[in-house]
Amino acid sequence: MAWKEHSKKISELKESNTAIDMKVRERLDEITSKTADKDVAISLEFLKKHLHLEKDDDGAIEELKFHLGLEGDTRYSVIKDDKNQSIYVYFTKKEG
């Protein structure tokens, strides 16, 4: 049965995904707590790797938006470095 080589237990997938999600939340919390409302922007390329985000820029930004929506008190903005066309993200805390 060739399909068995390409299968995983659902419980293992859920457990693995939960562990990854928790690690992402911890990393994102650390980044936002240290950089929000400061004069610093972080490379989207770094965030994609460090936070296990989608490889596509638009997908990564949407996923980041989702994670920040769960957190609730942090916003993000995107700024482009015209020198090398790279994308950076900076964070701000919502007021009130």
PDB file of N, CA and C in Angstrom:
ATOM      1  N   MET A   1       0.838  -1.182   0.000  1.00  0.00           N
ATOM      2  CA  MET A   1       0.000   0.000   0.000  1.00  0.00           C
ATOM      3  C   MET A   1       0.884   1.247   0.000  1.00  0.00           C
ATOM      4  N   ALA A   2       1.084   1.814  -1.158  1.00  0.00           N
ATOM      5  CA  ALA A   2       1.970   2.968  -1.333  1.00  0.00           C
ATOM      6  C   ALA A   2       1.508   4.199  -0.562  1.00  0.00           C
ATOM      7  N   TRP A   3       0.225   4.328  -0.340  1.00  0.00           N
ATOM      8  CA  TRP A   3      -0.292   5.519   0.346  1.00  0.00           C
ATOM      9  C   TRP A   3       0.196   5.624   1.781  1.00  0.00           C
ATOM     10  N   LYS A   4       0.533   4.492   2.396  1.00  0.00           N
ATOM     11  CA  LYS A   4       0.984   4.504   3.794  1.00  0.00           C
ATOM     12  C   LYS A   4       2.279   5.298   3.964  1.00  0.00           C
ATOM     13  N   GLU A   5       3.118   5.286   2.940  1.00  0.00           N
ATOM     14  CA  GLU A   5       4.366   6.046   2.991  1.00  0.00           C
ATOM     15  C   GLU A   5       4.108   7.548   3.023  1.00  0.00           C
ATOM     16  N   HIS A   6       2.933   7.949   2.611  1.00  0.00           N
ATOM     17  CA  HIS A   6       2.595   9.367   2.501  1.00  0.00           C
ATOM     18  C   HIS A   6       1.521   9.776   3.495  1.00  0.00           C
ATOM     19  N   SER A   7       1.439   9.073   4.589  1.00  0.00           N
ATOM     20  CA  SER A   7       0.403   9.371   5.582  1.00  0.00           C
ATOM     21  C   SER A   7       1.032   9.662   6.940  1.00  0.00           C
ATOM     22  N   LYS A   8       0.283  10.386   7.754  1.00  0.00           N
ATOM     23  CA  LYS A   8       0.676  10.676   9.135  1.00  0.00           C
ATOM     24  C   LYS A   8      -0.560  10.559   9.999  1.00  0.00           C
ATOM     25  N   LYS A   9      -0.350  10.314  11.270  1.00  0.00           N
ATOM     26  CA  LYS A   9      -1.466  10.266  12.206  1.00  0.00           C
ATOM     27  C   LYS A   9      -1.964  11.684  12.456  1.00  0.00           C
ATOM     28  N   ILE A  10      -3.262  11.840  12.469  1.00  0.00           N
ATOM     29  CA  ILE A  10      -3.866  13.147  12.695  1.00  0.00           C
ATOM     30  C   ILE A  10      -3.450  13.701  14.051  1.00  0.00           C
ATOM     31  N   SER A  11      -3.438  12.858  15.056  1.00  0.00           N
ATOM     32  CA  SER A  11      -3.061  13.309  16.401  1.00  0.00           C
ATOM     33  C   SER A  11      -1.632  13.854  16.421  1.00  0.00           C
ATOM     34  N   GLU A  12      -0.731  13.229  15.675  1.00  0.00           N
ATOM     35  CA  GLU A  12       0.650  13.703  15.609  1.00  0.00           C
ATOM     36  C   GLU A  12       0.735  15.036  14.876  1.00  0.00           C
ATOM     37  N   LEU A  13      -0.036  15.178  13.803  1.00  0.00           N
ATOM     38  CA  LEU A  13      -0.062  16.442  13.071  1.00  0.00           C
ATOM     39  C   LEU A  13      -0.574  17.573  13.954  1.00  0.00           C
ATOM     40  N   LYS A  14      -1.668  17.305  14.681  1.00  0.00           N
ATOM     41  CA  LYS A  14      -2.234  18.331  15.562  1.00  0.00           C
ATOM     42  C   LYS A  14      -1.249  18.716  16.657  1.00  0.00           C
ATOM     43  N   GLU A  15      -0.605  17.724  17.244  1.00  0.00           N
ATOM     44  CA  GLU A  15       0.361  17.989  18.314  1.00  0.00           C
ATOM     45  C   GLU A  15       1.542  18.804  17.789  1.00  0.00           C
ATOM     46  N   SER A  16       2.046  18.427  16.640  1.00  0.00           N
ATOM     47  CA  SER A  16       3.166  19.135  16.030  1.00  0.00           C
ATOM     48  C   SER A  16       2.782  20.569  15.672  1.00  0.00           C
ATOM     49  N   ASN A  17       1.609  20.738  15.080  1.00  0.00           N
ATOM     50  CA  ASN A  17       1.144  22.074  14.703  1.00  0.00           C
ATOM     51  C   ASN A  17       0.938  22.959  15.919  1.00  0.00           C
ATOM     52  N   THR A  18       0.411  22.398  16.992  1.00  0.00           N
ATOM     53  CA  THR A  18       0.213  23.160  18.227  1.00  0.00           C
ATOM     54  C   THR A  18       1.552  23.611  18.789  1.00  0.00           C
ATOM     55  N   ALA A  19       2.536  22.732  18.781  1.00  0.00           N
ATOM     56  CA  ALA A  19       3.870  23.081  19.278  1.00  0.00           C
ATOM     57  C   ALA A  19       4.485  24.202  18.442  1.00  0.00           C
ATOM     58  N   ILE A  20       4.332  24.120  17.132  1.00  0.00           N
ATOM     59  CA  ILE A  20       4.849  25.163  16.243  1.00  0.00           C
ATOM     60  C   ILE A  20       4.125  26.477  16.507  1.00  0.00           C
ATOM     61  N   ASP A  21       2.802  26.433  16.628  1.00  0.00           N
ATOM     62  CA  ASP A  21       2.019  27.647  16.897  1.00  0.00           C
ATOM     63  C   ASP A  21       2.446  28.310  18.200  1.00  0.00           C
ATOM     64  N   MET A  22       2.693  27.528  19.227  1.00  0.00           N
ATOM     65  CA  MET A  22       3.119  28.083  20.514  1.00  0.00           C
ATOM     66  C   MET A  22       4.499  28.732  20.398  1.00  0.00           C
ATOM     67  N   LYS A  23       5.392  28.091  19.666  1.00  0.00           N
ATOM     68  CA  LYS A  23       6.728  28.648  19.467  1.00  0.00           C
ATOM     69  C   LYS A  23       6.639  29.969  18.698  1.00  0.00           C
ATOM     70  N   VAL A  24       5.791  30.000  17.677  1.00  0.00           N
ATOM     71  CA  VAL A  24       5.595  31.222  16.895  1.00  0.00           C
ATOM     72  C   VAL A  24       5.054  32.335  17.783  1.00  0.00           C
ATOM     73  N   ARG A  25       4.060  32.028  18.605  1.00  0.00           N
ATOM     74  CA  ARG A  25       3.466  33.028  19.506  1.00  0.00           C
ATOM     75  C   ARG A  25       4.515  33.578  20.467  1.00  0.00           C
ATOM     76  N   GLU A  26       5.335  32.696  21.037  1.00  0.00           N
ATOM     77  CA  GLU A  26       6.385  33.137  21.955  1.00  0.00           C
ATOM     78  C   GLU A  26       7.384  34.043  21.252  1.00  0.00           C
ATOM     79  N   ARG A  27       7.788  33.660  20.067  1.00  0.00           N
ATOM     80  CA  ARG A  27       8.754  34.464  19.314  1.00  0.00           C
ATOM     81  C   ARG A  27       8.157  35.807  18.912  1.00  0.00           C
ATOM     82  N   LEU A  28       6.915  35.794  18.463  1.00  0.00           N
ATOM     83  CA  LEU A  28       6.264  37.039  18.070  1.00  0.00           C
ATOM     84  C   LEU A  28       6.068  37.948  19.279  1.00  0.00           C
ATOM     85  N   ASP A  29       5.669  37.385  20.403  1.00  0.00           N
ATOM     86  CA  ASP A  29       5.518  38.174  21.630  1.00  0.00           C
ATOM     87  C   ASP A  29       6.843  38.828  22.022  1.00  0.00           C
ATOM     88  N   GLU A  30       7.926  38.071  21.914  1.00  0.00           N
ATOM     89  CA  GLU A  30       9.238  38.625  22.256  1.00  0.00           C
ATOM     90  C   GLU A  30       9.599  39.782  21.326  1.00  0.00           C
ATOM     91  N   ILE A  31       9.401  39.578  20.029  1.00  0.00           N
ATOM     92  CA  ILE A  31       9.735  40.614  19.053  1.00  0.00           C
ATOM     93  C   ILE A  31       8.898  41.865  19.289  1.00  0.00           C
ATOM     94  N   THR A  32       7.589  41.703  19.434  1.00  0.00           N
ATOM     95  CA  THR A  32       6.730  42.879  19.587  1.00  0.00           C
ATOM     96  C   THR A  32       6.974  43.586  20.916  1.00  0.00           C
ATOM     97  N   SER A  33       7.247  42.845  21.971  1.00  0.00           N
ATOM     98  CA  SER A  33       7.479  43.493  23.267  1.00  0.00           C
ATOM     99  C   SER A  33       8.771  44.309  23.263  1.00  0.00           C
ATOM    100  N   LYS A  34       9.749  43.905  22.464  1.00  0.00           N
ATOM    101  CA  LYS A  34      11.030  44.613  22.444  1.00  0.00           C
ATOM    102  C   LYS A  34      11.117  45.676  21.352  1.00  0.00           C
ATOM    103  N   THR A  35      10.234  45.621  20.344  1.00  0.00           N
ATOM    104  CA  THR A  35      10.377  46.554  19.224  1.00  0.00           C
ATOM    105  C   THR A  35       9.186  47.477  19.010  1.00  0.00           C
ATOM    106  N   ALA A  36       8.034  47.154  19.571  1.00  0.00           N
ATOM    107  CA  ALA A  36       6.839  47.974  19.323  1.00  0.00           C
ATOM    108  C   ALA A  36       7.061  49.398  19.809  1.00  0.00           C
ATOM    109  N   ASP A  37       6.641  50.340  18.977  1.00  0.00           N
ATOM    110  CA  ASP A  37       6.740  51.770  19.271  1.00  0.00           C
ATOM    111  C   ASP A  37       8.183  52.242  19.426  1.00  0.00           C
ATOM    112  N   LYS A  38       9.110  51.517  18.851  1.00  0.00           N
ATOM    113  CA  LYS A  38      10.515  51.926  18.859  1.00  0.00           C
ATOM    114  C   LYS A  38      10.922  52.192  17.408  1.00  0.00           C
ATOM    115  N   ASP A  39      12.032  52.808  17.233  1.00  0.00           N
ATOM    116  CA  ASP A  39      12.515  53.173  15.901  1.00  0.00           C
ATOM    117  C   ASP A  39      13.252  51.998  15.260  1.00  0.00           C
ATOM    118  N   VAL A  40      12.512  50.902  15.065  1.00  0.00           N
ATOM    119  CA  VAL A  40      13.127  49.703  14.494  1.00  0.00           C
ATOM    120  C   VAL A  40      12.105  48.962  13.633  1.00  0.00           C
ATOM    121  N   ALA A  41      12.575  48.507  12.480  1.00  0.00           N
ATOM    122  CA  ALA A  41      11.753  47.670  11.601  1.00  0.00           C
ATOM    123  C   ALA A  41      12.538  46.384  11.341  1.00  0.00           C
ATOM    124  N   ILE A  42      11.826  45.303  11.176  1.00  0.00           N
ATOM    125  CA  ILE A  42      12.448  43.984  11.035  1.00  0.00           C
ATOM    126  C   ILE A  42      12.190  43.452   9.633  1.00  0.00           C
ATOM    127  N   SER A  43      13.202  42.885   9.058  1.00  0.00           N
ATOM    128  CA  SER A  43      13.120  42.335   7.709  1.00  0.00           C
ATOM    129  C   SER A  43      12.033  41.260   7.621  1.00  0.00           C
ATOM    130  N   LEU A  44      11.211  41.360   6.598  1.00  0.00           N
ATOM    131  CA  LEU A  44      10.183  40.343   6.385  1.00  0.00           C
ATOM    132  C   LEU A  44      10.823  38.984   6.128  1.00  0.00           C
ATOM    133  N   GLU A  45      11.963  38.968   5.460  1.00  0.00           N
ATOM    134  CA  GLU A  45      12.659  37.701   5.207  1.00  0.00           C
ATOM    135  C   GLU A  45      13.026  37.015   6.520  1.00  0.00           C
ATOM    136  N   PHE A  46      13.524  37.791   7.489  1.00  0.00           N
ATOM    137  CA  PHE A  46      13.838  37.217   8.797  1.00  0.00           C
ATOM    138  C   PHE A  46      12.571  36.705   9.468  1.00  0.00           C
ATOM    139  N   LEU A  47      11.513  37.506   9.443  1.00  0.00           N
ATOM    140  CA  LEU A  47      10.262  37.106  10.097  1.00  0.00           C
ATOM    141  C   LEU A  47       9.696  35.830   9.485  1.00  0.00           C
ATOM    142  N   LYS A  48       9.814  35.692   8.169  1.00  0.00           N
ATOM    143  CA  LYS A  48       9.309  34.482   7.514  1.00  0.00           C
ATOM    144  C   LYS A  48      10.020  33.241   8.050  1.00  0.00           C
ATOM    145  N   LYS A  49      11.312  33.336   8.236  1.00  0.00           N
ATOM    146  CA  LYS A  49      12.076  32.189   8.737  1.00  0.00           C
ATOM    147  C   LYS A  49      11.866  31.988  10.233  1.00  0.00           C
ATOM    148  N   HIS A  50      11.965  33.073  10.989  1.00  0.00           N
ATOM    149  CA  HIS A  50      11.925  32.993  12.451  1.00  0.00           C
ATOM    150  C   HIS A  50      10.540  32.628  12.986  1.00  0.00           C
ATOM    151  N   LEU A  51       9.503  33.074  12.274  1.00  0.00           N
ATOM    152  CA  LEU A  51       8.133  32.832  12.735  1.00  0.00           C
ATOM    153  C   LEU A  51       7.425  31.746  11.937  1.00  0.00           C
ATOM    154  N   HIS A  52       8.166  31.060  11.086  1.00  0.00           N
ATOM    155  CA  HIS A  52       7.600  29.938  10.322  1.00  0.00           C
ATOM    156  C   HIS A  52       6.399  30.403   9.490  1.00  0.00           C
ATOM    157  N   LEU A  53       6.570  31.557   8.795  1.00  0.00           N
ATOM    158  CA  LEU A  53       5.490  32.130   7.995  1.00  0.00           C
ATOM    159  C   LEU A  53       5.563  31.615   6.561  1.00  0.00           C
ATOM    160  N   GLU A  54       4.502  31.888   5.812  1.00  0.00           N
ATOM    161  CA  GLU A  54       4.456  31.533   4.392  1.00  0.00           C
ATOM    162  C   GLU A  54       5.696  32.072   3.676  1.00  0.00           C
ATOM    163  N   LYS A  55       6.145  31.401   2.653  1.00  0.00           N
ATOM    164  CA  LYS A  55       7.326  31.840   1.911  1.00  0.00           C
ATOM    165  C   LYS A  55       7.026  33.042   1.018  1.00  0.00           C
ATOM    166  N   ASP A  56       5.813  33.121   0.516  1.00  0.00           N
ATOM    167  CA  ASP A  56       5.388  34.231  -0.321  1.00  0.00           C
ATOM    168  C   ASP A  56       5.205  35.481   0.553  1.00  0.00           C
ATOM    169  N   ASP A  57       5.668  36.645   0.080  1.00  0.00           N
ATOM    170  CA  ASP A  57       5.574  37.876   0.873  1.00  0.00           C
ATOM    171  C   ASP A  57       4.144  38.192   1.291  1.00  0.00           C
ATOM    172  N   ASP A  58       3.218  38.159   0.337  1.00  0.00           N
ATOM    173  CA  ASP A  58       1.820  38.477   0.654  1.00  0.00           C
ATOM    174  C   ASP A  58       1.233  37.476   1.645  1.00  0.00           C
ATOM    175  N   GLY A  59       1.527  36.208   1.452  1.00  0.00           N
ATOM    176  CA  GLY A  59       1.045  35.180   2.373  1.00  0.00           C
ATOM    177  C   GLY A  59       1.636  35.347   3.759  1.00  0.00           C
ATOM    178  N   ALA A  60       2.918  35.711   3.830  1.00  0.00           N
ATOM    179  CA  ALA A  60       3.576  35.918   5.122  1.00  0.00           C
ATOM    180  C   ALA A  60       2.949  37.091   5.866  1.00  0.00           C
ATOM    181  N   ILE A  61       2.653  38.164   5.146  1.00  0.00           N
ATOM    182  CA  ILE A  61       2.037  39.333   5.780  1.00  0.00           C
ATOM    183  C   ILE A  61       0.634  38.993   6.268  1.00  0.00           C
ATOM    184  N   GLU A  62      -0.117  38.243   5.494  1.00  0.00           N
ATOM    185  CA  GLU A  62      -1.459  37.827   5.932  1.00  0.00           C
ATOM    186  C   GLU A  62      -1.385  36.944   7.171  1.00  0.00           C
ATOM    187  N   GLU A  63      -0.422  36.045   7.197  1.00  0.00           N
ATOM    188  CA  GLU A  63      -0.265  35.164   8.351  1.00  0.00           C
ATOM    189  C   GLU A  63       0.167  35.961   9.585  1.00  0.00           C
ATOM    190  N   LEU A  64       1.055  36.928   9.383  1.00  0.00           N
ATOM    191  CA  LEU A  64       1.476  37.803  10.477  1.00  0.00           C
ATOM    192  C   LEU A  64       0.278  38.587  11.007  1.00  0.00           C
ATOM    193  N   LYS A  65      -0.534  39.084  10.103  1.00  0.00           N
ATOM    194  CA  LYS A  65      -1.757  39.808  10.484  1.00  0.00           C
ATOM    195  C   LYS A  65      -2.670  38.917  11.328  1.00  0.00           C
ATOM    196  N   PHE A  66      -2.804  37.665  10.942  1.00  0.00           N
ATOM    197  CA  PHE A  66      -3.627  36.718  11.694  1.00  0.00           C
ATOM    198  C   PHE A  66      -3.088  36.534  13.109  1.00  0.00           C
ATOM    199  N   HIS A  67      -1.779  36.297  13.226  1.00  0.00           N
ATOM    200  CA  HIS A  67      -1.178  36.087  14.548  1.00  0.00           C
ATOM    201  C   HIS A  67      -1.325  37.328  15.426  1.00  0.00           C
ATOM    202  N   LEU A  68      -1.131  38.498  14.842  1.00  0.00           N
ATOM    203  CA  LEU A  68      -1.277  39.731  15.614  1.00  0.00           C
ATOM    204  C   LEU A  68      -2.729  39.957  16.009  1.00  0.00           C
ATOM    205  N   GLY A  69      -3.662  39.516  15.182  1.00  0.00           N
ATOM    206  CA  GLY A  69      -5.081  39.616  15.521  1.00  0.00           C
ATOM    207  C   GLY A  69      -5.421  38.786  16.740  1.00  0.00           C
ATOM    208  N   LEU A  70      -4.767  37.655  16.894  1.00  0.00           N
ATOM    209  CA  LEU A  70      -4.981  36.821  18.076  1.00  0.00           C
ATOM    210  C   LEU A  70      -4.424  37.501  19.317  1.00  0.00           C
ATOM    211  N   GLU A  71      -3.301  38.178  19.147  1.00  0.00           N
ATOM    212  CA  GLU A  71      -2.671  38.888  20.263  1.00  0.00           C
ATOM    213  C   GLU A  71      -3.527  40.084  20.673  1.00  0.00           C
ATOM    214  N   GLY A  72      -4.020  40.804  19.680  1.00  0.00           N
ATOM    215  CA  GLY A  72      -5.003  41.845  19.916  1.00  0.00           C
ATOM    216  C   GLY A  72      -4.515  43.247  20.170  1.00  0.00           C
ATOM    217  N   ASP A  73      -3.345  43.453  20.753  1.00  0.00           N
ATOM    218  CA  ASP A  73      -2.962  44.808  21.122  1.00  0.00           C
ATOM    219  C   ASP A  73      -1.803  45.374  20.302  1.00  0.00           C
ATOM    220  N   THR A  74      -1.429  44.697  19.242  1.00  0.00           N
ATOM    221  CA  THR A  74      -0.306  45.147  18.424  1.00  0.00           C
ATOM    222  C   THR A  74      -0.731  45.271  16.970  1.00  0.00           C
ATOM    223  N   ARG A  75      -0.307  46.369  16.353  1.00  0.00           N
ATOM    224  CA  ARG A  75      -0.530  46.577  14.923  1.00  0.00           C
ATOM    225  C   ARG A  75       0.810  46.469  14.202  1.00  0.00           C
ATOM    226  N   TYR A  76       0.743  46.297  12.914  1.00  0.00           N
ATOM    227  CA  TYR A  76       1.965  46.255  12.123  1.00  0.00           C
ATOM    228  C   TYR A  76       1.835  47.219  10.955  1.00  0.00           C
ATOM    229  N   SER A  77       2.952  47.653  10.447  1.00  0.00           N
ATOM    230  CA  SER A  77       3.011  48.437   9.219  1.00  0.00           C
ATOM    231  C   SER A  77       4.174  47.910   8.400  1.00  0.00           C
ATOM    232  N   VAL A  78       4.074  48.097   7.117  1.00  0.00           N
ATOM    233  CA  VAL A  78       5.098  47.605   6.200  1.00  0.00           C
ATOM    234  C   VAL A  78       5.781  48.802   5.561  1.00  0.00           C
ATOM    235  N   ILE A  79       7.085  48.735   5.481  1.00  0.00           N
ATOM    236  CA  ILE A  79       7.861  49.783   4.822  1.00  0.00           C
ATOM    237  C   ILE A  79       8.878  49.112   3.904  1.00  0.00           C
ATOM    238  N   LYS A  80       9.061  49.702   2.734  1.00  0.00           N
ATOM    239  CA  LYS A  80       9.961  49.116   1.742  1.00  0.00           C
ATOM    240  C   LYS A  80      11.271  49.899   1.719  1.00  0.00           C
ATOM    241  N   ASP A  81      12.375  49.181   1.679  1.00  0.00           N
ATOM    242  CA  ASP A  81      13.689  49.797   1.530  1.00  0.00           C
ATOM    243  C   ASP A  81      13.936  49.951   0.029  1.00  0.00           C
ATOM    244  N   ASP A  82      13.867  51.179  -0.453  1.00  0.00           N
ATOM    245  CA  ASP A  82      14.014  51.415  -1.887  1.00  0.00           C
ATOM    246  C   ASP A  82      15.423  51.120  -2.406  1.00  0.00           C
ATOM    247  N   LYS A  83      16.396  51.085  -1.513  1.00  0.00           N
ATOM    248  CA  LYS A  83      17.768  50.793  -1.947  1.00  0.00           C
ATOM    249  C   LYS A  83      17.888  49.384  -2.505  1.00  0.00           C
ATOM    250  N   ASN A  84      17.335  48.424  -1.781  1.00  0.00           N
ATOM    251  CA  ASN A  84      17.483  47.034  -2.224  1.00  0.00           C
ATOM    252  C   ASN A  84      16.147  46.313  -2.406  1.00  0.00           C
ATOM    253  N   GLN A  85      15.059  47.068  -2.371  1.00  0.00           N
ATOM    254  CA  GLN A  85      13.715  46.538  -2.618  1.00  0.00           C
ATOM    255  C   GLN A  85      13.267  45.501  -1.591  1.00  0.00           C
ATOM    256  N   SER A  86      13.867  45.514  -0.412  1.00  0.00           N
ATOM    257  CA  SER A  86      13.434  44.564   0.612  1.00  0.00           C
ATOM    258  C   SER A  86      12.319  45.177   1.454  1.00  0.00           C
ATOM    259  N   ILE A  87      11.559  44.313   2.085  1.00  0.00           N
ATOM    260  CA  ILE A  87      10.390  44.719   2.859  1.00  0.00           C
ATOM    261  C   ILE A  87      10.699  44.573   4.340  1.00  0.00           C
ATOM    262  N   TYR A  88      10.303  45.583   5.093  1.00  0.00           N
ATOM    263  CA  TYR A  88      10.476  45.584   6.542  1.00  0.00           C
ATOM    264  C   TYR A  88       9.125  45.780   7.209  1.00  0.00           C
ATOM    265  N   VAL A  89       9.015  45.282   8.422  1.00  0.00           N
ATOM    266  CA  VAL A  89       7.778  45.384   9.197  1.00  0.00           C
ATOM    267  C   VAL A  89       8.113  46.047  10.520  1.00  0.00           C
ATOM    268  N   TYR A  90       7.254  46.998  10.929  1.00  0.00           N
ATOM    269  CA  TYR A  90       7.421  47.556  12.267  1.00  0.00           C
ATOM    270  C   TYR A  90       6.104  47.465  13.007  1.00  0.00           C
ATOM    271  N   PHE A  91       6.209  47.455  14.321  1.00  0.00           N
ATOM    272  CA  PHE A  91       5.064  47.189  15.180  1.00  0.00           C
ATOM    273  C   PHE A  91       4.758  48.384  16.070  1.00  0.00           C
ATOM    274  N   THR A  92       3.478  48.583  16.324  1.00  0.00           N
ATOM    275  CA  THR A  92       3.021  49.608  17.258  1.00  0.00           C
ATOM    276  C   THR A  92       1.942  48.999  18.139  1.00  0.00           C
ATOM    277  N   LYS A  93       1.869  49.491  19.359  1.00  0.00           N
ATOM    278  CA  LYS A  93       0.820  49.043  20.281  1.00  0.00           C
ATOM    279  C   LYS A  93      -0.424  49.886  20.052  1.00  0.00           C
ATOM    280  N   LYS A  94      -1.571  49.251  20.091  1.00  0.00           N
ATOM    281  CA  LYS A  94      -2.837  49.969  19.960  1.00  0.00           C
ATOM    282  C   LYS A  94      -3.075  50.776  21.224  1.00  0.00           C
ATOM    283  N   GLU A  95      -3.596  51.966  21.047  1.00  0.00           N
ATOM    284  CA  GLU A  95      -3.895  52.814  22.201  1.00  0.00           C
ATOM    285  C   GLU A  95      -5.253  52.464  22.770  1.00  0.00           C
ATOM    286  N   GLY A  96      -5.327  52.596  24.090  1.00  0.00           N
ATOM    287  CA  GLY A  96      -6.591  52.464  24.786  1.00  0.00           C
ATOM    288  C   GLY A  96      -7.156  51.135  24.831  1.00  0.00           C
TER     289      GLY A  96
END
